[in-house]
Amino acid sequence: MIDVLSSSRRRAAAGMLAVGLGLALTSACTSEGGGKATGSLSPTQTTEADFAARLDPLLAAVNKLQDATAIVSVPARPTVVQRVGGVQTMVIQDEDRGAWSPGTYRLVVRCAGEGSIVAHFSIDGNSIVRQLTPCAAAPSTDVLELKLTQPGKRSVVVLIPAGESMAAVGYQIQRSA
C-alpha cells in the first residue's frame, strides 16, 4: 500500500535516508578501482538484450533463496532499469500499514550482481539504516534486526543502490518470538 507521510515523519525519513545514501555514495566513491565495478554495463553501451541477459539470471538466483516461513516475501527486483538513454538506478521502497505485534523482526536482504546497497528498515518509528555487504556474482544475504516492544501499525523498507550498482535485490521479513 502506498502511503503519504506527515511532514514531520517525511523530514525524519528523509534525514535517515540521506545518511544512508551518504554512506553508500562514500563507499562507492572510495572503493578500489575508482568506484566502477569490473564488467559494469555502461549506459551508452547497453542494449536491451545485453541488459536482460545480464539481469535475468541474477533475479532468478535471488528468488531461489526465498524462505517459506517468512511473514513477508518480496521477489527480486533490479537496482537499475533500461531506459532509452541507458540504464537508470532505481530506489526500492515499500510501505505497509498492517499490524505488527511485539517481537523481534529480521529484514533478510538477498542480493546478486555488483555494487553496494544501503537498507533502511522501520516498524512504527523503530528503525535501522545500514550499508549491506556488497553484492557479488553469487547471491549474498544480509540481515537487519528490529525489536518491537509495543504493537506497531506501519513498516517501511527502502533499499538504495550506490553508484553503478547493477544487481537483483529481494527481501523477506521474518519474526521470532
C-alpha atoms as a PDB file:
ATOM      1  CA  MET A   1       0.000   0.000   0.000  1.00  0.00           C
ATOM      2  CA  ILE A   2       1.374   3.440  -0.917  1.00  0.00           C
ATOM      3  CA  ASP A   3       1.148   5.899   1.936  1.00  0.00           C
ATOM      4  CA  VAL A   4       1.597   9.652   2.307  1.00  0.00           C
ATOM      5  CA  LEU A   5       3.670  10.593   5.352  1.00  0.00           C
ATOM      6  CA  SER A   6       3.068  13.577   7.610  1.00  0.00           C
ATOM      7  CA  SER A   7       5.565  16.388   7.058  1.00  0.00           C
ATOM      8  CA  SER A   8       7.442  15.661  10.317  1.00  0.00           C
ATOM      9  CA  ARG A   9       7.710  11.929   9.535  1.00  0.00           C
ATOM     10  CA  ARG A  10       8.711  12.745   5.946  1.00  0.00           C
ATOM     11  CA  ARG A  11      11.531  15.015   7.205  1.00  0.00           C
ATOM     12  CA  ALA A  12      12.708  12.338   9.674  1.00  0.00           C
ATOM     13  CA  ALA A  13      12.623   9.618   6.998  1.00  0.00           C
ATOM     14  CA  ALA A  14      14.400  11.886   4.508  1.00  0.00           C
ATOM     15  CA  GLY A  15      17.123  12.566   7.077  1.00  0.00           C
ATOM     16  CA  MET A  16      17.685   8.854   7.721  1.00  0.00           C
ATOM     17  CA  LEU A  17      17.749   8.115   4.007  1.00  0.00           C
ATOM     18  CA  ALA A  18      20.179  10.966   3.381  1.00  0.00           C
ATOM     19  CA  VAL A  19      22.556   9.475   5.962  1.00  0.00           C
ATOM     20  CA  GLY A  20      22.240   6.046   4.338  1.00  0.00           C
ATOM     21  CA  LEU A  21      22.689   7.432   0.840  1.00  0.00           C
ATOM     22  CA  GLY A  22      25.732   9.396   2.023  1.00  0.00           C
ATOM     23  CA  LEU A  23      27.257   6.165   3.351  1.00  0.00           C
ATOM     24  CA  ALA A  24      26.531   4.403   0.078  1.00  0.00           C
ATOM     25  CA  LEU A  25      27.960   7.174  -2.063  1.00  0.00           C
ATOM     26  CA  THR A  26      31.047   7.444   0.142  1.00  0.00           C
ATOM     27  CA  SER A  27      31.612   3.712  -0.231  1.00  0.00           C
ATOM     28  CA  ALA A  28      31.075   3.784  -3.978  1.00  0.00           C
ATOM     29  CA  CYS A  29      33.466   6.683  -4.423  1.00  0.00           C
ATOM     30  CA  THR A  30      36.224   5.231  -2.259  1.00  0.00           C
ATOM     31  CA  SER A  31      36.230   1.618  -3.417  1.00  0.00           C
ATOM     32  CA  GLU A  32      39.177   0.131  -5.265  1.00  0.00           C
ATOM     33  CA  GLY A  33      39.132   0.731  -8.980  1.00  0.00           C
ATOM     34  CA  GLY A  34      37.755   4.269  -8.659  1.00  0.00           C
ATOM     35  CA  GLY A  35      34.234   3.161  -7.746  1.00  0.00           C
ATOM     36  CA  LYS A  36      33.496   1.333 -11.024  1.00  0.00           C
ATOM     37  CA  ALA A  37      32.650  -2.317 -10.772  1.00  0.00           C
ATOM     38  CA  THR A  38      34.515  -4.585 -13.143  1.00  0.00           C
ATOM     39  CA  GLY A  39      32.324  -5.547 -16.065  1.00  0.00           C
ATOM     40  CA  SER A  40      29.761  -2.775 -15.434  1.00  0.00           C
ATOM     41  CA  LEU A  41      27.328  -2.094 -18.212  1.00  0.00           C
ATOM     42  CA  SER A  42      27.892   1.441 -19.428  1.00  0.00           C
ATOM     43  CA  PRO A  43      24.672   3.417 -20.004  1.00  0.00           C
ATOM     44  CA  THR A  44      25.809   4.272 -23.539  1.00  0.00           C
ATOM     45  CA  GLN A  45      26.884   0.705 -24.427  1.00  0.00           C
ATOM     46  CA  THR A  46      23.980  -1.327 -23.027  1.00  0.00           C
ATOM     47  CA  THR A  47      21.479  -2.901 -25.382  1.00  0.00           C
ATOM     48  CA  GLU A  48      18.165  -4.315 -24.145  1.00  0.00           C
ATOM     49  CA  ALA A  49      19.379  -7.842 -24.975  1.00  0.00           C
ATOM     50  CA  ASP A  50      22.626  -7.318 -23.008  1.00  0.00           C
ATOM     51  CA  PHE A  51      20.680  -5.877 -20.109  1.00  0.00           C
ATOM     52  CA  ALA A  52      18.189  -8.772 -19.950  1.00  0.00           C
ATOM     53  CA  ALA A  53      20.901 -11.403 -20.446  1.00  0.00           C
ATOM     54  CA  ARG A  54      22.827  -9.987 -17.513  1.00  0.00           C
ATOM     55  CA  LEU A  55      19.928  -9.251 -15.140  1.00  0.00           C
ATOM     56  CA  ASP A  56      17.542 -12.194 -15.646  1.00  0.00           C
ATOM     57  CA  PRO A  57      19.893 -14.835 -14.142  1.00  0.00           C
ATOM     58  CA  LEU A  58      20.550 -12.549 -11.142  1.00  0.00           C
ATOM     59  CA  LEU A  59      16.815 -12.171 -10.474  1.00  0.00           C
ATOM     60  CA  ALA A  60      16.319 -15.953 -10.707  1.00  0.00           C
ATOM     61  CA  ALA A  61      19.284 -16.661  -8.386  1.00  0.00           C
ATOM     62  CA  VAL A  62      17.939 -14.356  -5.659  1.00  0.00           C
ATOM     63  CA  ASN A  63      14.383 -15.711  -5.943  1.00  0.00           C
ATOM     64  CA  LYS A  64      15.599 -19.300  -5.416  1.00  0.00           C
ATOM     65  CA  LEU A  65      16.622 -18.375  -1.860  1.00  0.00           C
ATOM     66  CA  GLN A  66      13.134 -17.449  -0.618  1.00  0.00           C
ATOM     67  CA  ASP A  67      12.243 -18.847   2.839  1.00  0.00           C
ATOM     68  CA  ALA A  68       8.693 -20.197   3.070  1.00  0.00           C
ATOM     69  CA  THR A  69       8.449 -19.317   6.789  1.00  0.00           C
ATOM     70  CA  ALA A  70       8.836 -15.548   6.262  1.00  0.00           C
ATOM     71  CA  ILE A  71       5.854 -13.326   7.106  1.00  0.00           C
ATOM     72  CA  VAL A  72       6.647 -11.009   4.155  1.00  0.00           C
ATOM     73  CA  SER A  73       8.347 -12.112   0.922  1.00  0.00           C
ATOM     74  CA  VAL A  74       9.236  -9.682  -1.832  1.00  0.00           C
ATOM     75  CA  PRO A  75      10.706 -11.142  -5.023  1.00  0.00           C
ATOM     76  CA  ALA A  76      13.911  -9.797  -6.503  1.00  0.00           C
ATOM     77  CA  ARG A  77      13.819  -6.513  -8.357  1.00  0.00           C
ATOM     78  CA  PRO A  78      16.574  -4.834 -10.350  1.00  0.00           C
ATOM     79  CA  THR A  79      18.568  -1.912  -8.966  1.00  0.00           C
ATOM     80  CA  VAL A  80      18.600  -0.451 -12.488  1.00  0.00           C
ATOM     81  CA  VAL A  81      16.140  -0.341 -15.367  1.00  0.00           C
ATOM     82  CA  GLN A  82      16.743   0.046 -19.086  1.00  0.00           C
ATOM     83  CA  ARG A  83      15.760   3.456 -20.475  1.00  0.00           C
ATOM     84  CA  VAL A  84      16.180   4.974 -23.938  1.00  0.00           C
ATOM     85  CA  GLY A  85      19.409   6.741 -22.912  1.00  0.00           C
ATOM     86  CA  GLY A  86      20.843   3.779 -20.980  1.00  0.00           C
ATOM     87  CA  VAL A  87      20.319   2.347 -17.524  1.00  0.00           C
ATOM     88  CA  GLN A  88      18.744   4.263 -14.631  1.00  0.00           C
ATOM     89  CA  THR A  89      19.317   3.477 -10.946  1.00  0.00           C
ATOM     90  CA  MET A  90      16.146   2.592  -9.041  1.00  0.00           C
ATOM     91  CA  VAL A  91      15.462   3.005  -5.326  1.00  0.00           C
ATOM     92  CA  ILE A  92      13.230   0.248  -3.935  1.00  0.00           C
ATOM     93  CA  GLN A  93      10.704   1.481  -1.357  1.00  0.00           C
ATOM     94  CA  ASP A  94       7.818  -0.471   0.143  1.00  0.00           C
ATOM     95  CA  GLU A  95       5.420   0.665   2.878  1.00  0.00           C
ATOM     96  CA  ASP A  96       2.739  -1.259   4.736  1.00  0.00           C
ATOM     97  CA  ARG A  97       0.016  -0.197   7.195  1.00  0.00           C
ATOM     98  CA  GLY A  98      -0.540  -3.715   8.559  1.00  0.00           C
ATOM     99  CA  ALA A  99      -0.500  -4.650  12.244  1.00  0.00           C
ATOM    100  CA  TRP A 100       2.843  -5.636  13.792  1.00  0.00           C
ATOM    101  CA  SER A 101       2.786  -7.378  17.170  1.00  0.00           C
ATOM    102  CA  PRO A 102       5.654  -7.062  19.659  1.00  0.00           C
ATOM    103  CA  GLY A 103       8.643  -9.259  18.875  1.00  0.00           C
ATOM    104  CA  THR A 104      11.924  -9.344  17.000  1.00  0.00           C
ATOM    105  CA  TYR A 105      11.764  -8.784  13.250  1.00  0.00           C
ATOM    106  CA  ARG A 106      14.541  -9.508  10.794  1.00  0.00           C
ATOM    107  CA  LEU A 107      14.823  -7.913   7.380  1.00  0.00           C
ATOM    108  CA  VAL A 108      16.676 -10.515   5.305  1.00  0.00           C
ATOM    109  CA  VAL A 109      18.041  -8.907   2.128  1.00  0.00           C
ATOM    110  CA  ARG A 110      19.387 -11.073  -0.689  1.00  0.00           C
ATOM    111  CA  CYS A 111      21.461  -9.584  -3.477  1.00  0.00           C
ATOM    112  CA  ALA A 112      23.246 -10.868  -6.586  1.00  0.00           C
ATOM    113  CA  GLY A 113      25.195  -8.786  -9.088  1.00  0.00           C
ATOM    114  CA  GLU A 114      27.592  -5.995  -8.300  1.00  0.00           C
ATOM    115  CA  GLY A 115      27.632  -2.864  -6.205  1.00  0.00           C
ATOM    116  CA  SER A 116      26.555  -1.660  -2.787  1.00  0.00           C
ATOM    117  CA  ILE A 117      23.117  -1.256  -1.218  1.00  0.00           C
ATOM    118  CA  VAL A 118      22.038   0.791   1.807  1.00  0.00           C
ATOM    119  CA  ALA A 119      18.997  -0.634   3.616  1.00  0.00           C
ATOM    120  CA  HIS A 120      16.511   1.226   5.802  1.00  0.00           C
ATOM    121  CA  PHE A 121      14.099  -0.920   7.854  1.00  0.00           C
ATOM    122  CA  SER A 122      11.470   0.687  10.065  1.00  0.00           C
ATOM    123  CA  ILE A 123       8.497  -0.568  12.051  1.00  0.00           C
ATOM    124  CA  ASP A 124       6.348   2.070  13.748  1.00  0.00           C
ATOM    125  CA  GLY A 125       9.197   4.545  14.251  1.00  0.00           C
ATOM    126  CA  ASN A 126      11.839   1.984  15.302  1.00  0.00           C
ATOM    127  CA  SER A 127      14.395   1.932  12.521  1.00  0.00           C
ATOM    128  CA  ILE A 128      17.836   0.886  11.414  1.00  0.00           C
ATOM    129  CA  VAL A 129      19.861   2.150   8.430  1.00  0.00           C
ATOM    130  CA  ARG A 130      22.990   0.305   7.345  1.00  0.00           C
ATOM    131  CA  GLN A 131      25.150  -0.364   4.320  1.00  0.00           C
ATOM    132  CA  LEU A 132      24.892  -4.032   3.380  1.00  0.00           C
ATOM    133  CA  THR A 133      27.599  -6.469   2.356  1.00  0.00           C
ATOM    134  CA  PRO A 134      28.430  -5.673  -1.294  1.00  0.00           C
ATOM    135  CA  CYS A 135      26.550  -7.665  -3.922  1.00  0.00           C
ATOM    136  CA  ALA A 136      28.560 -10.328  -5.750  1.00  0.00           C
ATOM    137  CA  ALA A 137      28.058 -12.794  -8.608  1.00  0.00           C
ATOM    138  CA  ALA A 138      26.812 -15.443  -6.155  1.00  0.00           C
ATOM    139  CA  PRO A 139      23.792 -14.347  -4.111  1.00  0.00           C
ATOM    140  CA  SER A 140      24.640 -12.947  -0.685  1.00  0.00           C
ATOM    141  CA  THR A 141      22.410 -12.453   2.346  1.00  0.00           C
ATOM    142  CA  ASP A 142      22.489  -9.676   4.929  1.00  0.00           C
ATOM    143  CA  VAL A 143      20.203  -9.103   7.931  1.00  0.00           C
ATOM    144  CA  LEU A 144      18.907  -6.060   9.805  1.00  0.00           C
ATOM    145  CA  GLU A 145      17.074  -6.686  13.068  1.00  0.00           C
ATOM    146  CA  LEU A 146      14.492  -4.640  14.988  1.00  0.00           C
ATOM    147  CA  LYS A 147      12.852  -5.294  18.347  1.00  0.00           C
ATOM    148  CA  LEU A 148       9.306  -4.061  18.722  1.00  0.00           C
ATOM    149  CA  THR A 149       8.133  -3.741  22.351  1.00  0.00           C
ATOM    150  CA  GLN A 150       4.653  -2.423  21.547  1.00  0.00           C
ATOM    151  CA  PRO A 151       2.248  -3.159  18.706  1.00  0.00           C
ATOM    152  CA  GLY A 152       3.022  -1.225  15.522  1.00  0.00           C
ATOM    153  CA  LYS A 153       0.929  -0.067  12.592  1.00  0.00           C
ATOM    154  CA  ARG A 154       3.419   0.756   9.850  1.00  0.00           C
ATOM    155  CA  SER A 155       6.537  -0.676   8.257  1.00  0.00           C
ATOM    156  CA  VAL A 156       8.919   0.758   5.680  1.00  0.00           C
ATOM    157  CA  VAL A 157      11.692  -0.940   3.716  1.00  0.00           C
ATOM    158  CA  VAL A 158      13.951   1.165   1.492  1.00  0.00           C
ATOM    159  CA  LEU A 159      16.864  -0.274  -0.489  1.00  0.00           C
ATOM    160  CA  ILE A 160      19.164   2.337  -2.043  1.00  0.00           C
ATOM    161  CA  PRO A 161      21.737   1.226  -4.649  1.00  0.00           C
ATOM    162  CA  ALA A 162      25.010   3.160  -4.725  1.00  0.00           C
ATOM    163  CA  GLY A 163      26.910   4.342  -7.764  1.00  0.00           C
ATOM    164  CA  GLU A 164      26.796   1.978 -10.714  1.00  0.00           C
ATOM    165  CA  SER A 165      25.307  -0.954  -8.817  1.00  0.00           C
ATOM    166  CA  MET A 166      23.695  -3.469 -11.140  1.00  0.00           C
ATOM    167  CA  ALA A 167      22.058  -6.148  -9.083  1.00  0.00           C
ATOM    168  CA  ALA A 168      18.921  -8.068  -8.251  1.00  0.00           C
ATOM    169  CA  VAL A 169      17.647  -7.450  -4.721  1.00  0.00           C
ATOM    170  CA  GLY A 170      14.851  -9.245  -2.899  1.00  0.00           C
ATOM    171  CA  TYR A 171      13.919  -9.343   0.751  1.00  0.00           C
ATOM    172  CA  GLN A 172      11.865 -11.073   3.377  1.00  0.00           C
ATOM    173  CA  ILE A 173      10.750 -10.139   6.868  1.00  0.00           C
ATOM    174  CA  GLN A 174      10.911 -12.889   9.471  1.00  0.00           C
ATOM    175  CA  ARG A 175       9.582 -12.800  13.034  1.00  0.00           C
ATOM    176  CA  SER A 176      10.884 -14.546  16.116  1.00  0.00           C
ATOM    177  CA  ALA A 177       9.033 -14.571  19.447  1.00  0.00           C
END
